[in-house]
Amino acid sequence: ISRDNEKNTVLLQMNSLKVDDTAVYYCAADGGGRFYEIVV
């Protein structure tokens, strides 16, 4: 995952994709500011 704060863009680069990666993918924004693994 990467982000460009000037372009307001976040990317999800996926390599070595597997059949199990098949899904609908969603991006989401959290304005809460608590970047802890259990939270995010």
PDB file of all heavy atoms in Angstrom:
ATOM      1  N   ILE A   1       0.859  -1.189   0.000  1.00  0.00           N
ATOM      2  CA  ILE A   1       0.000   0.000   0.000  1.00  0.00           C
ATOM      3  C   ILE A   1       0.892   1.235   0.000  1.00  0.00           C
ATOM      4  O   ILE A   1       1.869   1.317   0.747  1.00  0.00           O
ATOM      5  CB  ILE A   1      -0.906   0.028   1.234  1.00  0.00           C
ATOM      6  CG1 ILE A   1      -1.820  -1.204   1.250  1.00  0.00           C
ATOM      7  CG2 ILE A   1      -1.750   1.298   1.244  1.00  0.00           C
ATOM      8  CD1 ILE A   1      -2.639  -1.339   2.518  1.00  0.00           C
ATOM      9  N   SER A   2       0.534   2.184  -0.847  1.00  0.00           N
ATOM     10  CA  SER A   2       1.260   3.447  -0.882  1.00  0.00           C
ATOM     11  C   SER A   2       0.258   4.577  -1.024  1.00  0.00           C
ATOM     12  O   SER A   2      -0.904   4.350  -1.382  1.00  0.00           O
ATOM     13  CB  SER A   2       2.251   3.467  -2.045  1.00  0.00           C
ATOM     14  OG  SER A   2       1.588   3.329  -3.289  1.00  0.00           O
ATOM     15  N   ARG A   3       0.704   5.780  -0.739  1.00  0.00           N
ATOM     16  CA  ARG A   3      -0.192   6.926  -0.875  1.00  0.00           C
ATOM     17  C   ARG A   3       0.598   8.114  -1.400  1.00  0.00           C
ATOM     18  O   ARG A   3       1.795   8.255  -1.144  1.00  0.00           O
ATOM     19  CB  ARG A   3      -0.874   7.257   0.447  1.00  0.00           C
ATOM     20  CG  ARG A   3       0.044   7.764   1.540  1.00  0.00           C
ATOM     21  CD  ARG A   3      -0.697   7.848   2.882  1.00  0.00           C
ATOM     22  NE  ARG A   3      -1.711   8.896   2.886  1.00  0.00           N
ATOM     23  CZ  ARG A   3      -2.704   8.936   3.768  1.00  0.00           C
ATOM     24  NH1 ARG A   3      -2.819   7.991   4.706  1.00  0.00           N
ATOM     25  NH2 ARG A   3      -3.573   9.922   3.735  1.00  0.00           N
ATOM     26  N   ASP A   4      -0.130   8.961  -2.117  1.00  0.00           N
ATOM     27  CA  ASP A   4       0.425  10.215  -2.615  1.00  0.00           C
ATOM     28  C   ASP A   4      -0.453  11.312  -2.048  1.00  0.00           C
ATOM     29  O   ASP A   4      -1.572  11.533  -2.525  1.00  0.00           O
ATOM     30  CB  ASP A   4       0.429  10.219  -4.144  1.00  0.00           C
ATOM     31  CG  ASP A   4       1.098  11.454  -4.726  1.00  0.00           C
ATOM     32  OD1 ASP A   4       1.126  12.510  -4.055  1.00  0.00           O
ATOM     33  OD2 ASP A   4       1.585  11.363  -5.849  1.00  0.00           O
ATOM     34  N   ASN A   5       0.061  11.989  -1.031  1.00  0.00           N
ATOM     35  CA  ASN A   5      -0.754  12.987  -0.343  1.00  0.00           C
ATOM     36  C   ASN A   5      -0.993  14.238  -1.188  1.00  0.00           C
ATOM     37  O   ASN A   5      -1.894  15.021  -0.880  1.00  0.00           O
ATOM     38  CB  ASN A   5      -0.110  13.365   0.991  1.00  0.00           C
ATOM     39  CG  ASN A   5      -0.214  12.252   2.011  1.00  0.00           C
ATOM     40  OD1 ASN A   5      -1.062  11.362   1.896  1.00  0.00           O
ATOM     41  ND2 ASN A   5       0.647  12.278   3.007  1.00  0.00           N
ATOM     42  N   GLU A   6      -0.210  14.426  -2.229  1.00  0.00           N
ATOM     43  CA  GLU A   6      -0.446  15.573  -3.113  1.00  0.00           C
ATOM     44  C   GLU A   6      -1.547  15.272  -4.123  1.00  0.00           C
ATOM     45  O   GLU A   6      -2.234  16.180  -4.585  1.00  0.00           O
ATOM     46  CB  GLU A   6       0.838  15.962  -3.818  1.00  0.00           C
ATOM     47  CG  GLU A   6       1.903  16.550  -2.884  1.00  0.00           C
ATOM     48  CD  GLU A   6       3.061  17.173  -3.644  1.00  0.00           C
ATOM     49  OE1 GLU A   6       3.035  17.150  -4.893  1.00  0.00           O
ATOM     50  OE2 GLU A   6       3.976  17.681  -2.984  1.00  0.00           O
ATOM     51  N   LYS A   7      -1.693  13.997  -4.450  1.00  0.00           N
ATOM     52  CA  LYS A   7      -2.702  13.601  -5.438  1.00  0.00           C
ATOM     53  C   LYS A   7      -3.936  12.984  -4.783  1.00  0.00           C
ATOM     54  O   LYS A   7      -4.834  12.503  -5.482  1.00  0.00           O
ATOM     55  CB  LYS A   7      -2.103  12.619  -6.444  1.00  0.00           C
ATOM     56  CG  LYS A   7      -0.992  13.216  -7.292  1.00  0.00           C
ATOM     57  CD  LYS A   7      -0.460  12.206  -8.289  1.00  0.00           C
ATOM     58  CE  LYS A   7       0.628  12.824  -9.162  1.00  0.00           C
ATOM     59  NZ  LYS A   7       1.181  11.844 -10.133  1.00  0.00           N
ATOM     60  N   ASN A   8      -3.947  12.968  -3.436  1.00  0.00           N
ATOM     61  CA  ASN A   8      -5.091  12.394  -2.704  1.00  0.00           C
ATOM     62  C   ASN A   8      -5.407  10.975  -3.163  1.00  0.00           C
ATOM     63  O   ASN A   8      -6.576  10.605  -3.324  1.00  0.00           O
ATOM     64  CB  ASN A   8      -6.332  13.273  -2.852  1.00  0.00           C
ATOM     65  CG  ASN A   8      -6.205  14.593  -2.135  1.00  0.00           C
ATOM     66  OD1 ASN A   8      -5.148  14.912  -1.575  1.00  0.00           O
ATOM     67  ND2 ASN A   8      -7.260  15.381  -2.145  1.00  0.00           N
ATOM     68  N   THR A   9      -4.358  10.203  -3.356  1.00  0.00           N
ATOM     69  CA  THR A   9      -4.508   8.868  -3.927  1.00  0.00           C
ATOM     70  C   THR A   9      -3.814   7.827  -3.058  1.00  0.00           C
ATOM     71  O   THR A   9      -2.722   8.071  -2.543  1.00  0.00           O
ATOM     72  CB  THR A   9      -3.905   8.821  -5.339  1.00  0.00           C
ATOM     73  OG1 THR A   9      -4.593   9.759  -6.167  1.00  0.00           O
ATOM     74  CG2 THR A   9      -4.041   7.424  -5.934  1.00  0.00           C
ATOM     75  N   VAL A  10      -4.468   6.697  -2.924  1.00  0.00           N
ATOM     76  CA  VAL A  10      -3.847   5.548  -2.274  1.00  0.00           C
ATOM     77  C   VAL A  10      -3.899   4.378  -3.250  1.00  0.00           C
ATOM     78  O   VAL A  10      -4.877   4.206  -3.986  1.00  0.00           O
ATOM     79  CB  VAL A  10      -4.547   5.203  -0.942  1.00  0.00           C
ATOM     80  CG1 VAL A  10      -6.003   4.848  -1.141  1.00  0.00           C
ATOM     81  CG2 VAL A  10      -3.815   4.101  -0.208  1.00  0.00           C
ATOM     82  N   LEU A  11      -2.818   3.615  -3.292  1.00  0.00           N
ATOM     83  CA  LEU A  11      -2.691   2.484  -4.205  1.00  0.00           C
ATOM     84  C   LEU A  11      -2.534   1.184  -3.437  1.00  0.00           C
ATOM     85  O   LEU A  11      -1.943   1.155  -2.367  1.00  0.00           O
ATOM     86  CB  LEU A  11      -1.478   2.670  -5.111  1.00  0.00           C
ATOM     87  CG  LEU A  11      -1.437   3.916  -5.980  1.00  0.00           C
ATOM     88  CD1 LEU A  11      -0.129   3.941  -6.779  1.00  0.00           C
ATOM     89  CD2 LEU A  11      -2.616   3.976  -6.913  1.00  0.00           C
ATOM     90  N   LEU A  12      -3.058   0.137  -4.022  1.00  0.00           N
ATOM     91  CA  LEU A  12      -2.833  -1.216  -3.523  1.00  0.00           C
ATOM     92  C   LEU A  12      -2.183  -1.995  -4.651  1.00  0.00           C
ATOM     93  O   LEU A  12      -2.853  -2.366  -5.620  1.00  0.00           O
ATOM     94  CB  LEU A  12      -4.136  -1.880  -3.088  1.00  0.00           C
ATOM     95  CG  LEU A  12      -4.014  -3.326  -2.619  1.00  0.00           C
ATOM     96  CD1 LEU A  12      -3.165  -3.416  -1.359  1.00  0.00           C
ATOM     97  CD2 LEU A  12      -5.402  -3.940  -2.360  1.00  0.00           C
ATOM     98  N   GLN A  13      -0.878  -2.202  -4.526  1.00  0.00           N
ATOM     99  CA  GLN A  13      -0.135  -2.979  -5.500  1.00  0.00           C
ATOM    100  C   GLN A  13      -0.163  -4.439  -5.076  1.00  0.00           C
ATOM    101  O   GLN A  13       0.278  -4.780  -3.975  1.00  0.00           O
ATOM    102  CB  GLN A  13       1.319  -2.491  -5.584  1.00  0.00           C
ATOM    103  CG  GLN A  13       2.241  -3.387  -6.417  1.00  0.00           C
ATOM    104  CD  GLN A  13       1.926  -3.330  -7.894  1.00  0.00           C
ATOM    105  OE1 GLN A  13       1.679  -2.267  -8.442  1.00  0.00           O
ATOM    106  NE2 GLN A  13       1.939  -4.482  -8.545  1.00  0.00           N
ATOM    107  N   MET A  14      -0.689  -5.293  -5.944  1.00  0.00           N
ATOM    108  CA  MET A  14      -0.834  -6.713  -5.612  1.00  0.00           C
ATOM    109  C   MET A  14       0.009  -7.543  -6.573  1.00  0.00           C
ATOM    110  O   MET A  14      -0.187  -7.474  -7.791  1.00  0.00           O
ATOM    111  CB  MET A  14      -2.310  -7.129  -5.719  1.00  0.00           C
ATOM    112  CG  MET A  14      -3.220  -6.275  -4.842  1.00  0.00           C
ATOM    113  SD  MET A  14      -4.942  -6.811  -4.892  1.00  0.00           S
ATOM    114  CE  MET A  14      -5.381  -6.313  -6.558  1.00  0.00           C
ATOM    115  N   ASN A  15       0.939  -8.283  -6.031  1.00  0.00           N
ATOM    116  CA  ASN A  15       1.804  -9.158  -6.819  1.00  0.00           C
ATOM    117  C   ASN A  15       1.541 -10.617  -6.472  1.00  0.00           C
ATOM    118  O   ASN A  15       0.960 -10.924  -5.422  1.00  0.00           O
ATOM    119  CB  ASN A  15       3.268  -8.822  -6.540  1.00  0.00           C
ATOM    120  CG  ASN A  15       3.643  -7.417  -6.953  1.00  0.00           C
ATOM    121  OD1 ASN A  15       3.134  -6.889  -7.943  1.00  0.00           O
ATOM    122  ND2 ASN A  15       4.529  -6.804  -6.198  1.00  0.00           N
ATOM    123  N   SER A  16       1.974 -11.481  -7.352  1.00  0.00           N
ATOM    124  CA  SER A  16       1.834 -12.935  -7.125  1.00  0.00           C
ATOM    125  C   SER A  16       0.417 -13.287  -6.691  1.00  0.00           C
ATOM    126  O   SER A  16       0.204 -13.989  -5.695  1.00  0.00           O
ATOM    127  CB  SER A  16       2.841 -13.393  -6.066  1.00  0.00           C
ATOM    128  OG  SER A  16       4.161 -13.074  -6.454  1.00  0.00           O
ATOM    129  N   LEU A  17      -0.538 -12.812  -7.441  1.00  0.00           N
ATOM    130  CA  LEU A  17      -1.931 -13.011  -7.062  1.00  0.00           C
ATOM    131  C   LEU A  17      -2.308 -14.491  -7.070  1.00  0.00           C
ATOM    132  O   LEU A  17      -1.826 -15.275  -7.896  1.00  0.00           O
ATOM    133  CB  LEU A  17      -2.845 -12.229  -7.993  1.00  0.00           C
ATOM    134  CG  LEU A  17      -2.932 -10.729  -7.666  1.00  0.00           C
ATOM    135  CD1 LEU A  17      -3.461  -9.945  -8.844  1.00  0.00           C
ATOM    136  CD2 LEU A  17      -3.807 -10.522  -6.448  1.00  0.00           C
ATOM    137  N   LYS A  18      -3.163 -14.844  -6.122  1.00  0.00           N
ATOM    138  CA  LYS A  18      -3.641 -16.207  -5.973  1.00  0.00           C
ATOM    139  C   LYS A  18      -5.149 -16.248  -6.202  1.00  0.00           C
ATOM    140  O   LYS A  18      -5.839 -15.229  -6.055  1.00  0.00           O
ATOM    141  CB  LYS A  18      -3.334 -16.719  -4.569  1.00  0.00           C
ATOM    142  CG  LYS A  18      -1.860 -16.646  -4.187  1.00  0.00           C
ATOM    143  CD  LYS A  18      -1.655 -17.076  -2.743  1.00  0.00           C
ATOM    144  CE  LYS A  18      -0.192 -16.976  -2.341  1.00  0.00           C
ATOM    145  NZ  LYS A  18       0.019 -17.387  -0.931  1.00  0.00           N
ATOM    146  N   VAL A  19      -5.646 -17.429  -6.492  1.00  0.00           N
ATOM    147  CA  VAL A  19      -7.090 -17.584  -6.681  1.00  0.00           C
ATOM    148  C   VAL A  19      -7.827 -17.114  -5.429  1.00  0.00           C
ATOM    149  O   VAL A  19      -8.892 -16.499  -5.511  1.00  0.00           O
ATOM    150  CB  VAL A  19      -7.435 -19.043  -7.019  1.00  0.00           C
ATOM    151  CG1 VAL A  19      -8.932 -19.256  -7.024  1.00  0.00           C
ATOM    152  CG2 VAL A  19      -6.827 -19.428  -8.363  1.00  0.00           C
ATOM    153  N   ASP A  20      -7.253 -17.377  -4.261  1.00  0.00           N
ATOM    154  CA  ASP A  20      -7.878 -16.978  -2.997  1.00  0.00           C
ATOM    155  C   ASP A  20      -7.947 -15.470  -2.798  1.00  0.00           C
ATOM    156  O   ASP A  20      -8.607 -15.001  -1.870  1.00  0.00           O
ATOM    157  CB  ASP A  20      -7.116 -17.595  -1.813  1.00  0.00           C
ATOM    158  CG  ASP A  20      -7.384 -19.080  -1.667  1.00  0.00           C
ATOM    159  OD1 ASP A  20      -8.306 -19.585  -2.342  1.00  0.00           O
ATOM    160  OD2 ASP A  20      -6.670 -19.747  -0.896  1.00  0.00           O
ATOM    161  N   ASP A  21      -7.254 -14.708  -3.639  1.00  0.00           N
ATOM    162  CA  ASP A  21      -7.334 -13.249  -3.547  1.00  0.00           C
ATOM    163  C   ASP A  21      -8.576 -12.697  -4.250  1.00  0.00           C
ATOM    164  O   ASP A  21      -8.842 -11.494  -4.185  1.00  0.00           O
ATOM    165  CB  ASP A  21      -6.090 -12.609  -4.169  1.00  0.00           C
ATOM    166  CG  ASP A  21      -4.823 -12.912  -3.390  1.00  0.00           C
ATOM    167  OD1 ASP A  21      -4.862 -12.911  -2.150  1.00  0.00           O
ATOM    168  OD2 ASP A  21      -3.777 -13.160  -4.048  1.00  0.00           O
ATOM    169  N   THR A  22      -9.314 -13.556  -4.922  1.00  0.00           N
ATOM    170  CA  THR A  22     -10.541 -13.138  -5.603  1.00  0.00           C
ATOM    171  C   THR A  22     -11.532 -12.564  -4.604  1.00  0.00           C
ATOM    172  O   THR A  22     -11.879 -13.201  -3.610  1.00  0.00           O
ATOM    173  CB  THR A  22     -11.183 -14.322  -6.345  1.00  0.00           C
ATOM    174  OG1 THR A  22     -10.290 -14.747  -7.380  1.00  0.00           O
ATOM    175  CG2 THR A  22     -12.523 -13.926  -6.938  1.00  0.00           C
ATOM    176  N   ALA A  23     -11.961 -11.326  -4.849  1.00  0.00           N
ATOM    177  CA  ALA A  23     -12.856 -10.636  -3.928  1.00  0.00           C
ATOM    178  C   ALA A  23     -13.222  -9.280  -4.506  1.00  0.00           C
ATOM    179  O   ALA A  23     -12.608  -8.816  -5.481  1.00  0.00           O
ATOM    180  CB  ALA A  23     -12.185 -10.441  -2.563  1.00  0.00           C
ATOM    181  N   VAL A  24     -14.194  -8.661  -3.877  1.00  0.00           N
ATOM    182  CA  VAL A  24     -14.426  -7.240  -4.102  1.00  0.00           C
ATOM    183  C   VAL A  24     -13.541  -6.488  -3.116  1.00  0.00           C
ATOM    184  O   VAL A  24     -13.576  -6.759  -1.913  1.00  0.00           O
ATOM    185  CB  VAL A  24     -15.895  -6.863  -3.900  1.00  0.00           C
ATOM    186  CG1 VAL A  24     -16.081  -5.354  -4.074  1.00  0.00           C
ATOM    187  CG2 VAL A  24     -16.782  -7.636  -4.871  1.00  0.00           C
ATOM    188  N   TYR A  25     -12.758  -5.573  -3.631  1.00  0.00           N
ATOM    189  CA  TYR A  25     -11.828  -4.811  -2.817  1.00  0.00           C
ATOM    190  C   TYR A  25     -12.376  -3.410  -2.568  1.00  0.00           C
ATOM    191  O   TYR A  25     -12.858  -2.754  -3.495  1.00  0.00           O
ATOM    192  CB  TYR A  25     -10.467  -4.729  -3.503  1.00  0.00           C
ATOM    193  CG  TYR A  25      -9.680  -6.007  -3.396  1.00  0.00           C
ATOM    194  CD1 TYR A  25     -10.052  -7.138  -4.118  1.00  0.00           C
ATOM    195  CD2 TYR A  25      -8.582  -6.102  -2.552  1.00  0.00           C
ATOM    196  CE1 TYR A  25      -9.346  -8.328  -3.997  1.00  0.00           C
ATOM    197  CE2 TYR A  25      -7.861  -7.283  -2.430  1.00  0.00           C
ATOM    198  CZ  TYR A  25      -8.247  -8.387  -3.158  1.00  0.00           C
ATOM    199  OH  TYR A  25      -7.550  -9.565  -3.042  1.00  0.00           O
ATOM    200  N   TYR A  26     -12.249  -2.977  -1.323  1.00  0.00           N
ATOM    201  CA  TYR A  26     -12.748  -1.672  -0.921  1.00  0.00           C
ATOM    202  C   TYR A  26     -11.629  -0.848  -0.296  1.00  0.00           C
ATOM    203  O   TYR A  26     -10.857  -1.365   0.517  1.00  0.00           O
ATOM    204  CB  TYR A  26     -13.852  -1.812   0.123  1.00  0.00           C
ATOM    205  CG  TYR A  26     -15.071  -2.551  -0.336  1.00  0.00           C
ATOM    206  CD1 TYR A  26     -15.183  -3.934  -0.186  1.00  0.00           C
ATOM    207  CD2 TYR A  26     -16.140  -1.867  -0.922  1.00  0.00           C
ATOM    208  CE1 TYR A  26     -16.316  -4.614  -0.600  1.00  0.00           C
ATOM    209  CE2 TYR A  26     -17.278  -2.538  -1.336  1.00  0.00           C
ATOM    210  CZ  TYR A  26     -17.361  -3.901  -1.177  1.00  0.00           C
ATOM    211  OH  TYR A  26     -18.482  -4.571  -1.597  1.00  0.00           O
ATOM    212  N   CYS A  27     -11.576   0.422  -0.666  1.00  0.00           N
ATOM    213  CA  CYS A  27     -10.730   1.334   0.101  1.00  0.00           C
ATOM    214  C   CYS A  27     -11.623   2.084   1.080  1.00  0.00           C
ATOM    215  O   CYS A  27     -12.828   2.234   0.858  1.00  0.00           O
ATOM    216  CB  CYS A  27      -9.968   2.292  -0.797  1.00  0.00           C
ATOM    217  SG  CYS A  27     -10.965   3.465  -1.712  1.00  0.00           S
ATOM    218  N   ALA A  28     -11.010   2.543   2.140  1.00  0.00           N
ATOM    219  CA  ALA A  28     -11.766   3.214   3.193  1.00  0.00           C
ATOM    220  C   ALA A  28     -10.891   4.258   3.869  1.00  0.00           C
ATOM    221  O   ALA A  28      -9.662   4.127   3.904  1.00  0.00           O
ATOM    222  CB  ALA A  28     -12.263   2.196   4.220  1.00  0.00           C
ATOM    223  N   ALA A  29     -11.545   5.274   4.403  1.00  0.00           N
ATOM    224  CA  ALA A  29     -10.831   6.375   5.053  1.00  0.00           C
ATOM    225  C   ALA A  29     -11.289   6.518   6.500  1.00  0.00           C
ATOM    226  O   ALA A  29     -12.487   6.532   6.784  1.00  0.00           O
ATOM    227  CB  ALA A  29     -11.076   7.681   4.300  1.00  0.00           C
ATOM    228  N   ASP A  30     -10.307   6.638   7.360  1.00  0.00           N
ATOM    229  CA  ASP A  30     -10.554   6.774   8.796  1.00  0.00           C
ATOM    230  C   ASP A  30      -9.937   8.076   9.269  1.00  0.00           C
ATOM    231  O   ASP A  30      -8.724   8.237   9.206  1.00  0.00           O
ATOM    232  CB  ASP A  30      -9.950   5.576   9.532  1.00  0.00           C
ATOM    233  CG  ASP A  30      -9.913   5.751  11.040  1.00  0.00           C
ATOM    234  OD1 ASP A  30     -10.608   6.644  11.560  1.00  0.00           O
ATOM    235  OD2 ASP A  30      -9.187   4.979  11.697  1.00  0.00           O
ATOM    236  N   GLY A  31     -10.756   8.984   9.746  1.00  0.00           N
ATOM    237  CA  GLY A  31     -10.259  10.266  10.222  1.00  0.00           C
ATOM    238  C   GLY A  31      -9.949  10.285  11.703  1.00  0.00           C
ATOM    239  O   GLY A  31      -9.625  11.337  12.257  1.00  0.00           O
ATOM    240  N   GLY A  32     -10.008   9.116  12.333  1.00  0.00           N
ATOM    241  CA  GLY A  32      -9.829   9.061  13.780  1.00  0.00           C
ATOM    242  C   GLY A  32      -8.414   9.260  14.253  1.00  0.00           C
ATOM    243  O   GLY A  32      -8.190   9.633  15.404  1.00  0.00           O
ATOM    244  N   GLY A  33      -7.427   8.992  13.382  1.00  0.00           N
ATOM    245  CA  GLY A  33      -6.051   9.299  13.738  1.00  0.00           C
ATOM    246  C   GLY A  33      -5.339   8.293  14.616  1.00  0.00           C
ATOM    247  O   GLY A  33      -4.201   8.512  15.022  1.00  0.00           O
ATOM    248  N   ARG A  34      -5.966   7.186  14.944  1.00  0.00           N
ATOM    249  CA  ARG A  34      -5.323   6.204  15.822  1.00  0.00           C
ATOM    250  C   ARG A  34      -4.756   5.072  14.980  1.00  0.00           C
ATOM    251  O   ARG A  34      -5.454   4.125  14.637  1.00  0.00           O
ATOM    252  CB  ARG A  34      -6.340   5.669  16.827  1.00  0.00           C
ATOM    253  CG  ARG A  34      -6.911   6.719  17.758  1.00  0.00           C
ATOM    254  CD  ARG A  34      -7.838   6.075  18.765  1.00  0.00           C
ATOM    255  NE  ARG A  34      -8.969   5.418  18.123  1.00  0.00           N
ATOM    256  CZ  ARG A  34      -9.741   4.522  18.721  1.00  0.00           C
ATOM    257  NH1 ARG A  34      -9.472   4.157  19.961  1.00  0.00           N
ATOM    258  NH2 ARG A  34     -10.768   3.999  18.091  1.00  0.00           N
ATOM    259  N   PHE A  35      -3.473   5.200  14.647  1.00  0.00           N
ATOM    260  CA  PHE A  35      -2.853   4.196  13.779  1.00  0.00           C
ATOM    261  C   PHE A  35      -2.237   3.086  14.614  1.00  0.00           C
ATOM    262  O   PHE A  35      -1.012   2.986  14.765  1.00  0.00           O
ATOM    263  CB  PHE A  35      -1.825   4.836  12.846  1.00  0.00           C
ATOM    264  CG  PHE A  35      -1.434   3.935  11.707  1.00  0.00           C
ATOM    265  CD1 PHE A  35      -2.333   3.658  10.690  1.00  0.00           C
ATOM    266  CD2 PHE A  35      -0.180   3.353  11.648  1.00  0.00           C
ATOM    267  CE1 PHE A  35      -1.993   2.820   9.646  1.00  0.00           C
ATOM    268  CE2 PHE A  35       0.174   2.516  10.612  1.00  0.00           C
ATOM    269  CZ  PHE A  35      -0.740   2.249   9.605  1.00  0.00           C
ATOM    270  N   TYR A  36      -3.110   2.269  15.166  1.00  0.00           N
ATOM    271  CA  TYR A  36      -2.696   1.067  15.889  1.00  0.00           C
ATOM    272  C   TYR A  36      -3.289  -0.121  15.165  1.00  0.00           C
ATOM    273  O   TYR A  36      -4.417  -0.060  14.687  1.00  0.00           O
ATOM    274  CB  TYR A  36      -3.196   1.104  17.330  1.00  0.00           C
ATOM    275  CG  TYR A  36      -2.752   2.322  18.082  1.00  0.00           C
ATOM    276  CD1 TYR A  36      -3.660   3.307  18.452  1.00  0.00           C
ATOM    277  CD2 TYR A  36      -1.420   2.503  18.442  1.00  0.00           C
ATOM    278  CE1 TYR A  36      -3.258   4.432  19.141  1.00  0.00           C
ATOM    279  CE2 TYR A  36      -1.011   3.638  19.132  1.00  0.00           C
ATOM    280  CZ  TYR A  36      -1.933   4.589  19.479  1.00  0.00           C
ATOM    281  OH  TYR A  36      -1.525   5.709  20.160  1.00  0.00           O
ATOM    282  N   GLU A  37      -2.557  -1.193  15.112  1.00  0.00           N
ATOM    283  CA  GLU A  37      -3.002  -2.328  14.302  1.00  0.00           C
ATOM    284  C   GLU A  37      -4.371  -2.823  14.730  1.00  0.00           C
ATOM    285  O   GLU A  37      -5.226  -3.130  13.900  1.00  0.00           O
ATOM    286  CB  GLU A  37      -1.981  -3.461  14.365  1.00  0.00           C
ATOM    287  CG  GLU A  37      -2.322  -4.612  13.413  1.00  0.00           C
ATOM    288  CD  GLU A  37      -1.202  -5.601  13.249  1.00  0.00           C
ATOM    289  OE1 GLU A  37      -0.196  -5.504  13.977  1.00  0.00           O
ATOM    290  OE2 GLU A  37      -1.334  -6.493  12.386  1.00  0.00           O
ATOM    291  N   ILE A  38      -4.599  -2.916  16.025  1.00  0.00           N
ATOM    292  CA  ILE A  38      -5.884  -3.414  16.489  1.00  0.00           C
ATOM    293  C   ILE A  38      -7.023  -2.498  16.064  1.00  0.00           C
ATOM    294  O   ILE A  38      -8.154  -2.937  15.879  1.00  0.00           O
ATOM    295  CB  ILE A  38      -5.871  -3.603  18.019  1.00  0.00           C
ATOM    296  CG1 ILE A  38      -7.073  -4.426  18.470  1.00  0.00           C
ATOM    297  CG2 ILE A  38      -5.813  -2.259  18.742  1.00  0.00           C
ATOM    298  CD1 ILE A  38      -7.047  -4.809  19.942  1.00  0.00           C
ATOM    299  N   VAL A  39      -6.729  -1.225  15.886  1.00  0.00           N
ATOM    300  CA  VAL A  39      -7.757  -0.262  15.499  1.00  0.00           C
ATOM    301  C   VAL A  39      -8.000  -0.319  13.995  1.00  0.00           C
ATOM    302  O   VAL A  39      -9.152  -0.418  13.543  1.00  0.00           O
ATOM    303  CB  VAL A  39      -7.364   1.167  15.931  1.00  0.00           C
ATOM    304  CG1 VAL A  39      -8.366   2.191  15.384  1.00  0.00           C
ATOM    305  CG2 VAL A  39      -7.276   1.259  17.450  1.00  0.00           C
ATOM    306  N   VAL A  40      -6.955  -0.244  13.216  1.00  0.00           N
ATOM    307  CA  VAL A  40      -7.124  -0.116  11.764  1.00  0.00           C
ATOM    308  C   VAL A  40      -7.682  -1.384  11.138  1.00  0.00           C
ATOM    309  O   VAL A  40      -8.169  -1.350  10.003  1.00  0.00           O
ATOM    310  CB  VAL A  40      -5.816   0.296  11.062  1.00  0.00           C
ATOM    311  CG1 VAL A  40      -5.333   1.637  11.597  1.00  0.00           C
ATOM    312  CG2 VAL A  40      -4.738  -0.772  11.197  1.00  0.00           C
TER     313      VAL A  40
END
